[in-house]
Amino acid sequence: MHLITVEGINVYAYHGCLEEEGKIGGNYRVDVYMKTNFAEAALLDDLSKTIDYVEVYDIVKAEMAIRSKLIEHVGQRIMDRLQQRIKNMKSCRVRVTKYNPPMNGDIEKVSIEIES
C-alpha cells in the first residue's frame, strides 16, 4: 500500500455558526491523505494508474465553497466526494483546519479529522 498526500490546501471560506462568519469568512486549510496502490503508475509513468492531485484539489475547493455551520459537515462532504470520485483510493483521511475561530480566548486554530 502507498500513501499520497495533498497538504496545505489553503482557502478562504465562509463556514461557522455565527452569522458574521457567513459574511466575513476566514482562512482554512485542508489536508488529504489517501492510501492507494500506485506501483503500476510508478512503473509505467501513467497518471491514469494513480490519483490525480488536481482532481483532489478541485473537490476540496468546490466543497469548501459551499457554506456549512460546522467544519465537521464540510469535512464529511469532502470525504464523501473523494470516495465517490477517486476510484483508486483504498482509504482516506481528511483534516479541515479553521484559523482564528471566534472564541472567547486566544485560539490559533481548531481542526477536525475524518478517516475512512
Protein backbone atom coordinates (compact mmCIF):
# COMPACT_ATOMS: atom_id res chain seq x y z
CA MET A 1 0.00 0.00 0.00
CA HIS A 2 1.18 3.54 -0.79
CA LEU A 3 0.28 6.94 0.60
CA ILE A 4 -0.45 10.08 -1.41
CA THR A 5 -0.86 13.34 0.48
CA VAL A 6 -2.23 16.65 -0.71
CA GLU A 7 -1.44 19.00 2.15
CA GLY A 8 -1.90 22.69 2.73
CA ILE A 9 -4.89 23.39 0.50
CA ASN A 10 -5.44 26.93 1.74
CA VAL A 11 -8.83 28.50 1.05
CA TYR A 12 -10.86 31.46 2.21
CA ALA A 13 -14.35 30.23 3.11
CA TYR A 14 -17.49 31.20 4.99
CA HIS A 15 -18.14 28.39 7.49
CA GLY A 16 -19.35 28.91 11.04
CA CYS A 17 -22.37 29.07 13.30
CA LEU A 18 -22.23 32.84 13.69
CA GLU A 19 -23.99 34.99 11.11
CA GLU A 20 -20.96 37.27 10.71
CA GLU A 21 -18.78 34.26 9.77
CA GLY A 22 -21.03 33.82 6.74
CA LYS A 23 -20.35 37.42 5.75
CA ILE A 24 -16.73 37.95 6.77
CA GLY A 25 -15.31 34.47 6.19
CA GLY A 26 -11.95 33.18 7.30
CA ASN A 27 -8.86 31.16 6.46
CA TYR A 28 -8.96 27.37 6.31
CA ARG A 29 -6.52 24.61 5.50
CA VAL A 30 -7.44 21.16 4.21
CA ASP A 31 -5.08 18.17 4.21
CA VAL A 32 -5.95 14.92 2.43
CA TYR A 33 -4.16 11.60 2.98
CA MET A 34 -5.06 8.75 0.61
CA LYS A 35 -3.95 5.14 0.63
CA THR A 36 -3.72 3.53 -2.79
CA ASN A 37 -1.56 1.22 -4.84
CA PHE A 38 0.46 3.25 -7.32
CA ALA A 39 3.02 0.57 -8.19
CA GLU A 40 1.76 0.31 -11.77
CA ALA A 41 1.75 4.10 -12.17
CA ALA A 42 5.33 4.26 -10.89
CA LEU A 43 6.40 1.53 -13.30
CA LEU A 44 4.58 2.88 -16.36
CA ASP A 45 4.75 6.63 -15.59
CA ASP A 46 0.98 6.73 -16.21
CA LEU A 47 -1.28 9.23 -14.40
CA SER A 48 -4.39 7.12 -15.06
CA LYS A 49 -2.97 4.42 -12.77
CA THR A 50 -2.80 6.67 -9.71
CA ILE A 51 -4.65 9.54 -8.01
CA ASP A 52 -4.71 12.87 -9.83
CA TYR A 53 -3.79 15.62 -7.32
CA VAL A 54 -5.65 18.20 -9.40
CA GLU A 55 -8.91 16.27 -9.03
CA VAL A 56 -8.41 16.12 -5.25
CA TYR A 57 -7.74 19.88 -5.13
CA ASP A 58 -10.82 20.62 -7.26
CA ILE A 59 -13.06 18.52 -5.00
CA VAL A 60 -11.77 20.25 -1.87
CA LYS A 61 -12.11 23.70 -3.40
CA ALA A 62 -15.69 23.03 -4.58
CA GLU A 63 -16.85 21.66 -1.23
CA MET A 64 -15.17 24.44 0.77
CA ALA A 65 -17.10 26.98 -1.35
CA ILE A 66 -20.42 25.63 0.00
CA ARG A 67 -21.21 27.25 3.35
CA SER A 68 -21.61 24.98 6.36
CA LYS A 69 -22.13 25.84 10.00
CA LEU A 70 -19.68 23.14 11.10
CA ILE A 71 -16.28 22.15 9.73
CA GLU A 72 -17.33 18.61 10.65
CA HIS A 73 -20.03 18.88 7.98
CA VAL A 74 -17.79 20.25 5.24
CA GLY A 75 -15.14 17.65 6.12
CA GLN A 76 -17.70 14.86 5.69
CA ARG A 77 -18.79 16.29 2.34
CA ILE A 78 -15.18 16.35 1.16
CA MET A 79 -14.72 12.73 2.27
CA ASP A 80 -17.94 11.65 0.55
CA ARG A 81 -16.99 13.29 -2.76
CA LEU A 82 -13.48 11.84 -2.66
CA GLN A 83 -14.90 8.36 -2.09
CA GLN A 84 -17.34 8.82 -4.98
CA ARG A 85 -14.85 10.22 -7.48
CA ILE A 86 -11.43 8.72 -6.68
CA LYS A 87 -11.68 5.08 -7.73
CA ASN A 88 -8.07 4.06 -6.95
CA MET A 89 -8.35 5.17 -3.31
CA LYS A 90 -8.39 2.38 -0.70
CA SER A 91 -8.81 4.62 2.36
CA CYS A 92 -8.67 8.30 3.15
CA ARG A 93 -8.18 10.81 5.94
CA VAL A 94 -9.31 14.44 5.68
CA ARG A 95 -8.33 17.21 8.08
CA VAL A 96 -10.08 20.60 7.99
CA THR A 97 -8.45 23.39 10.00
CA LYS A 98 -10.11 26.70 10.82
CA TYR A 99 -7.75 29.53 11.76
CA ASN A 100 -8.63 32.15 14.37
CA PRO A 101 -12.03 30.77 15.37
CA PRO A 102 -14.28 33.35 17.05
CA MET A 103 -13.99 32.19 20.65
CA ASN A 104 -13.54 33.93 23.97
CA GLY A 105 -9.82 33.23 24.09
CA ASP A 106 -6.58 33.31 22.17
CA ILE A 107 -7.04 30.25 19.92
CA GLU A 108 -4.83 29.85 16.85
CA LYS A 109 -6.83 27.10 15.17
CA VAL A 110 -9.27 24.23 15.51
CA SER A 111 -9.28 21.07 13.37
CA ILE A 112 -11.36 18.01 12.67
CA GLU A 113 -10.24 14.76 11.08
CA ILE A 114 -12.35 12.14 9.34
CA GLU A 115 -10.95 8.77 8.35
CA SER A 116 -12.39 6.00 6.22
